[in-house]
């Protein structure tokens, strides 16, 4: 077996493990990421608006 074949198999195995994860867990992870980005965006907006009002 070549190392390329072995590498391909390990990638397939990794994907198999990910796909076998419970759907809920995956969705929860996505929701957490979306909440995280929303929170960061809100903080950035807040910082921008507060610094903008200070300049005026």
PDB file of N, CA and C in Angstrom:
ATOM      1  N   UNK A   1       0.843  -1.211   0.000  1.00  0.00           N
ATOM      2  CA  UNK A   1       0.000   0.000   0.000  1.00  0.00           C
ATOM      3  C   UNK A   1       0.873   1.255   0.000  1.00  0.00           C
ATOM      4  N   UNK A   2       0.537   2.189  -0.827  1.00  0.00           N
ATOM      5  CA  UNK A   2       1.288   3.441  -0.859  1.00  0.00           C
ATOM      6  C   UNK A   2       0.835   4.353   0.270  1.00  0.00           C
ATOM      7  N   UNK A   3       1.672   5.309   0.612  1.00  0.00           N
ATOM      8  CA  UNK A   3       1.318   6.238   1.697  1.00  0.00           C
ATOM      9  C   UNK A   3       0.133   7.096   1.291  1.00  0.00           C
ATOM     10  N   UNK A   4      -0.008   7.351  -0.036  1.00  0.00           N
ATOM     11  CA  UNK A   4      -1.141   8.153  -0.501  1.00  0.00           C
ATOM     12  C   UNK A   4      -2.457   7.419  -0.242  1.00  0.00           C
ATOM     13  N   UNK A   5      -2.456   6.111  -0.474  1.00  0.00           N
ATOM     14  CA  UNK A   5      -3.661   5.315  -0.235  1.00  0.00           C
ATOM     15  C   UNK A   5      -4.008   5.342   1.252  1.00  0.00           C
ATOM     16  N   UNK A   6      -2.974   5.180   2.102  1.00  0.00           N
ATOM     17  CA  UNK A   6      -3.200   5.175   3.543  1.00  0.00           C
ATOM     18  C   UNK A   6      -3.756   6.523   3.993  1.00  0.00           C
ATOM     19  N   UNK A   7      -3.203   7.597   3.428  1.00  0.00           N
ATOM     20  CA  UNK A   7      -3.658   8.944   3.787  1.00  0.00           C
ATOM     21  C   UNK A   7      -5.124   9.119   3.386  1.00  0.00           C
ATOM     22  N   UNK A   8      -5.471   8.660   2.200  1.00  0.00           N
ATOM     23  CA  UNK A   8      -6.852   8.737   1.746  1.00  0.00           C
ATOM     24  C   UNK A   8      -7.788   7.982   2.678  1.00  0.00           C
ATOM     25  N   UNK A   9      -7.370   6.792   3.114  1.00  0.00           N
ATOM     26  CA  UNK A   9      -8.183   5.985   4.026  1.00  0.00           C
ATOM     27  C   UNK A   9      -8.382   6.704   5.362  1.00  0.00           C
ATOM     28  N   UNK A  10      -7.315   7.329   5.865  1.00  0.00           N
ATOM     29  CA  UNK A  10      -7.435   8.017   7.158  1.00  0.00           C
ATOM     30  C   UNK A  10      -8.384   9.204   7.041  1.00  0.00           C
ATOM     31  N   UNK A  11      -8.358   9.887   5.892  1.00  0.00           N
ATOM     32  CA  UNK A  11      -9.291  11.000   5.683  1.00  0.00           C
ATOM     33  C   UNK A  11     -10.728  10.495   5.657  1.00  0.00           C
ATOM     34  N   UNK A  12     -10.932   9.386   4.948  1.00  0.00           N
ATOM     35  CA  UNK A  12     -12.281   8.798   4.880  1.00  0.00           C
ATOM     36  C   UNK A  12     -12.746   8.394   6.274  1.00  0.00           C
ATOM     37  N   UNK A  13     -11.857   7.810   7.061  1.00  0.00           N
ATOM     38  CA  UNK A  13     -12.200   7.408   8.426  1.00  0.00           C
ATOM     39  C   UNK A  13     -12.568   8.620   9.270  1.00  0.00           C
ATOM     40  N   UNK A  14     -11.817   9.716   9.114  1.00  0.00           N
ATOM     41  CA  UNK A  14     -12.096  10.937   9.876  1.00  0.00           C
ATOM     42  C   UNK A  14     -13.480  11.476   9.522  1.00  0.00           C
ATOM     43  N   UNK A  15     -13.778  11.511   8.213  1.00  0.00           N
ATOM     44  CA  UNK A  15     -15.098  11.990   7.782  1.00  0.00           C
ATOM     45  C   UNK A  15     -16.196  11.082   8.311  1.00  0.00           C
ATOM     46  N   UNK A  16     -15.936   9.758   8.302  1.00  0.00           N
ATOM     47  CA  UNK A  16     -16.915   8.804   8.815  1.00  0.00           C
ATOM     48  C   UNK A  16     -17.249   9.086  10.270  1.00  0.00           C
ATOM     49  N   UNK A  17     -16.226   9.394  11.068  1.00  0.00           N
ATOM     50  CA  UNK A  17     -16.450   9.702  12.482  1.00  0.00           C
ATOM     51  C   UNK A  17     -17.277  10.972  12.626  1.00  0.00           C
ATOM     52  N   UNK A  18     -16.955  11.978  11.795  1.00  0.00           N
ATOM     53  CA  UNK A  18     -17.698  13.244  11.864  1.00  0.00           C
ATOM     54  C   UNK A  18     -19.162  13.023  11.492  1.00  0.00           C
ATOM     55  N   UNK A  19     -19.389  12.255  10.418  1.00  0.00           N
ATOM     56  CA  UNK A  19     -20.755  12.028   9.950  1.00  0.00           C
ATOM     57  C   UNK A  19     -21.544  11.168  10.928  1.00  0.00           C
ATOM     58  N   UNK A  20     -20.857  10.348  11.708  1.00  0.00           N
ATOM     59  CA  UNK A  20     -21.538   9.495  12.678  1.00  0.00           C
ATOM     60  C   UNK A  20     -21.935  10.285  13.925  1.00  0.00           C
ATOM     61  N   UNK A  21     -21.413  11.499  14.064  1.00  0.00           N
ATOM     62  CA  UNK A  21     -21.769  12.329  15.226  1.00  0.00           C
ATOM     63  C   UNK A  21     -23.269  12.591  15.218  1.00  0.00           C
ATOM     64  N   UNK A  22     -23.872  12.689  16.388  1.00  0.00           N
ATOM     65  CA  UNK A  22     -25.304  12.990  16.442  1.00  0.00           C
ATOM     66  C   UNK A  22     -25.607  14.317  15.750  1.00  0.00           C
ATOM     67  N   UNK A  23     -26.686  14.333  15.008  1.00  0.00           N
ATOM     68  CA  UNK A  23     -27.078  15.521  14.243  1.00  0.00           C
ATOM     69  C   UNK A  23     -27.244  16.726  15.180  1.00  0.00           C
ATOM     70  N   UNK A  24     -27.823  16.500  16.339  1.00  0.00           N
ATOM     71  CA  UNK A  24     -28.094  17.579  17.292  1.00  0.00           C
ATOM     72  C   UNK A  24     -26.799  18.269  17.705  1.00  0.00           C
ATOM     73  N   UNK A  25     -25.776  17.474  17.942  1.00  0.00           N
ATOM     74  CA  UNK A  25     -24.485  18.012  18.371  1.00  0.00           C
ATOM     75  C   UNK A  25     -23.924  18.947  17.299  1.00  0.00           C
ATOM     76  N   UNK A  26     -24.053  18.520  16.033  1.00  0.00           N
ATOM     77  CA  UNK A  26     -23.559  19.327  14.916  1.00  0.00           C
ATOM     78  C   UNK A  26     -24.328  20.641  14.849  1.00  0.00           C
ATOM     79  N   UNK A  27     -25.660  20.549  14.960  1.00  0.00           N
ATOM     80  CA  UNK A  27     -26.497  21.751  14.899  1.00  0.00           C
ATOM     81  C   UNK A  27     -26.181  22.679  16.061  1.00  0.00           C
ATOM     82  N   UNK A  28     -25.956  22.113  17.242  1.00  0.00           N
ATOM     83  CA  UNK A  28     -25.634  22.913  18.421  1.00  0.00           C
ATOM     84  C   UNK A  28     -24.322  23.658  18.188  1.00  0.00           C
ATOM     85  N   UNK A  29     -23.358  22.970  17.574  1.00  0.00           N
ATOM     86  CA  UNK A  29     -22.073  23.590  17.262  1.00  0.00           C
ATOM     87  C   UNK A  29     -22.246  24.757  16.306  1.00  0.00           C
ATOM     88  N   UNK A  30     -23.062  24.562  15.277  1.00  0.00           N
ATOM     89  CA  UNK A  30     -23.314  25.630  14.297  1.00  0.00           C
ATOM     90  C   UNK A  30     -24.004  26.811  14.969  1.00  0.00           C
ATOM     91  N   UNK A  31     -24.974  26.530  15.822  1.00  0.00           N
ATOM     92  CA  UNK A  31     -25.701  27.594  16.520  1.00  0.00           C
ATOM     93  C   UNK A  31     -24.742  28.395  17.398  1.00  0.00           C
ATOM     94  N   UNK A  32     -23.831  27.691  18.070  1.00  0.00           N
ATOM     95  CA  UNK A  32     -22.858  28.360  18.936  1.00  0.00           C
ATOM     96  C   UNK A  32     -21.964  29.277  18.115  1.00  0.00           C
ATOM     97  N   UNK A  33     -21.563  28.822  16.924  1.00  0.00           N
ATOM     98  CA  UNK A  33     -20.712  29.636  16.055  1.00  0.00           C
ATOM     99  C   UNK A  33     -21.482  30.886  15.611  1.00  0.00           C
ATOM    100  N   UNK A  34     -22.738  30.694  15.213  1.00  0.00           N
ATOM    101  CA  UNK A  34     -23.549  31.829  14.763  1.00  0.00           C
ATOM    102  C   UNK A  34     -23.766  32.824  15.897  1.00  0.00           C
ATOM    103  N   UNK A  35     -24.045  32.322  17.095  1.00  0.00           N
ATOM    104  CA  UNK A  35     -24.234  33.200  18.254  1.00  0.00           C
ATOM    105  C   UNK A  35     -22.940  33.954  18.543  1.00  0.00           C
ATOM    106  N   UNK A  36     -21.821  33.246  18.452  1.00  0.00           N
ATOM    107  CA  UNK A  36     -20.523  33.861  18.707  1.00  0.00           C
ATOM    108  C   UNK A  36     -20.246  34.999  17.745  1.00  0.00           C
ATOM    109  N   UNK A  37     -20.493  34.789  16.453  1.00  0.00           N
ATOM    110  CA  UNK A  37     -20.236  35.831  15.459  1.00  0.00           C
ATOM    111  C   UNK A  37     -21.206  36.985  15.657  1.00  0.00           C
ATOM    112  N   UNK A  38     -22.456  36.688  15.999  1.00  0.00           N
ATOM    113  CA  UNK A  38     -23.446  37.740  16.232  1.00  0.00           C
ATOM    114  C   UNK A  38     -23.019  38.605  17.415  1.00  0.00           C
ATOM    115  N   UNK A  39     -22.521  37.951  18.457  1.00  0.00           N
ATOM    116  CA  UNK A  39     -22.082  38.673  19.652  1.00  0.00           C
ATOM    117  C   UNK A  39     -20.899  39.582  19.318  1.00  0.00           C
ATOM    118  N   UNK A  40     -19.962  39.056  18.543  1.00  0.00           N
ATOM    119  CA  UNK A  40     -18.786  39.839  18.147  1.00  0.00           C
ATOM    120  C   UNK A  40     -19.232  41.037  17.306  1.00  0.00           C
ATOM    121  N   UNK A  41     -20.141  40.798  16.352  1.00  0.00           N
ATOM    122  CA  UNK A  41     -20.632  41.883  15.506  1.00  0.00           C
ATOM    123  C   UNK A  41     -21.308  42.958  16.347  1.00  0.00           C
ATOM    124  N   UNK A  42     -22.090  42.525  17.328  1.00  0.00           N
ATOM    125  CA  UNK A  42     -22.785  43.473  18.196  1.00  0.00           C
ATOM    126  C   UNK A  42     -21.774  44.315  18.972  1.00  0.00           C
ATOM    127  N   UNK A  43     -20.739  43.683  19.487  1.00  0.00           N
ATOM    128  CA  UNK A  43     -19.718  44.405  20.242  1.00  0.00           C
ATOM    129  C   UNK A  43     -18.968  45.384  19.358  1.00  0.00           C
ATOM    130  N   UNK A  44     -18.690  44.978  18.127  1.00  0.00           N
ATOM    131  CA  UNK A  44     -17.997  45.860  17.181  1.00  0.00           C
ATOM    132  C   UNK A  44     -18.874  47.069  16.876  1.00  0.00           C
ATOM    133  N   UNK A  45     -20.161  46.820  16.612  1.00  0.00           N
ATOM    134  CA  UNK A  45     -21.100  47.908  16.345  1.00  0.00           C
ATOM    135  C   UNK A  45     -21.147  48.858  17.537  1.00  0.00           C
ATOM    136  N   UNK A  46     -21.207  48.285  18.725  1.00  0.00           N
ATOM    137  CA  UNK A  46     -21.276  49.079  19.953  1.00  0.00           C
ATOM    138  C   UNK A  46     -20.024  49.945  20.083  1.00  0.00           C
ATOM    139  N   UNK A  47     -18.878  49.348  19.848  1.00  0.00           N
ATOM    140  CA  UNK A  47     -17.609  50.068  19.941  1.00  0.00           C
ATOM    141  C   UNK A  47     -17.552  51.174  18.899  1.00  0.00           C
ATOM    142  N   UNK A  48     -18.013  50.880  17.692  1.00  0.00           N
ATOM    143  CA  UNK A  48     -17.992  51.874  16.618  1.00  0.00           C
ATOM    144  C   UNK A  48     -18.915  53.044  16.948  1.00  0.00           C
ATOM    145  N   UNK A  49     -20.108  52.753  17.430  1.00  0.00           N
ATOM    146  CA  UNK A  49     -21.072  53.814  17.725  1.00  0.00           C
ATOM    147  C   UNK A  49     -20.593  54.660  18.902  1.00  0.00           C
ATOM    148  N   UNK A  50     -19.995  54.027  19.916  1.00  0.00           N
ATOM    149  CA  UNK A  50     -19.538  54.780  21.087  1.00  0.00           C
ATOM    150  C   UNK A  50     -18.348  55.658  20.717  1.00  0.00           C
ATOM    151  N   UNK A  51     -17.439  55.146  19.913  1.00  0.00           N
ATOM    152  CA  UNK A  51     -16.272  55.938  19.514  1.00  0.00           C
ATOM    153  C   UNK A  51     -16.724  57.054  18.572  1.00  0.00           C
ATOM    154  N   UNK A  52     -17.752  56.779  17.759  1.00  0.00           N
ATOM    155  CA  UNK A  52     -18.278  57.794  16.844  1.00  0.00           C
ATOM    156  C   UNK A  52     -18.909  58.940  17.605  1.00  0.00           C
ATOM    157  N   UNK A  53     -19.634  58.639  18.681  1.00  0.00           N
ATOM    158  CA  UNK A  53     -20.294  59.678  19.465  1.00  0.00           C
ATOM    159  C   UNK A  53     -19.254  60.495  20.235  1.00  0.00           C
ATOM    160  N   UNK A  54     -18.150  59.849  20.619  1.00  0.00           N
ATOM    161  CA  UNK A  54     -17.103  60.571  21.342  1.00  0.00           C
ATOM    162  C   UNK A  54     -16.416  61.573  20.431  1.00  0.00           C
ATOM    163  N   UNK A  55     -16.260  61.222  19.176  1.00  0.00           N
ATOM    164  CA  UNK A  55     -15.585  62.120  18.234  1.00  0.00           C
ATOM    165  C   UNK A  55     -16.399  63.378  18.002  1.00  0.00           C
ATOM    166  N   UNK A  56     -17.726  63.230  18.016  1.00  0.00           N
ATOM    167  CA  UNK A  56     -18.597  64.380  17.760  1.00  0.00           C
ATOM    168  C   UNK A  56     -18.654  65.282  18.952  1.00  0.00           C
TER     169      UNK A  56
END
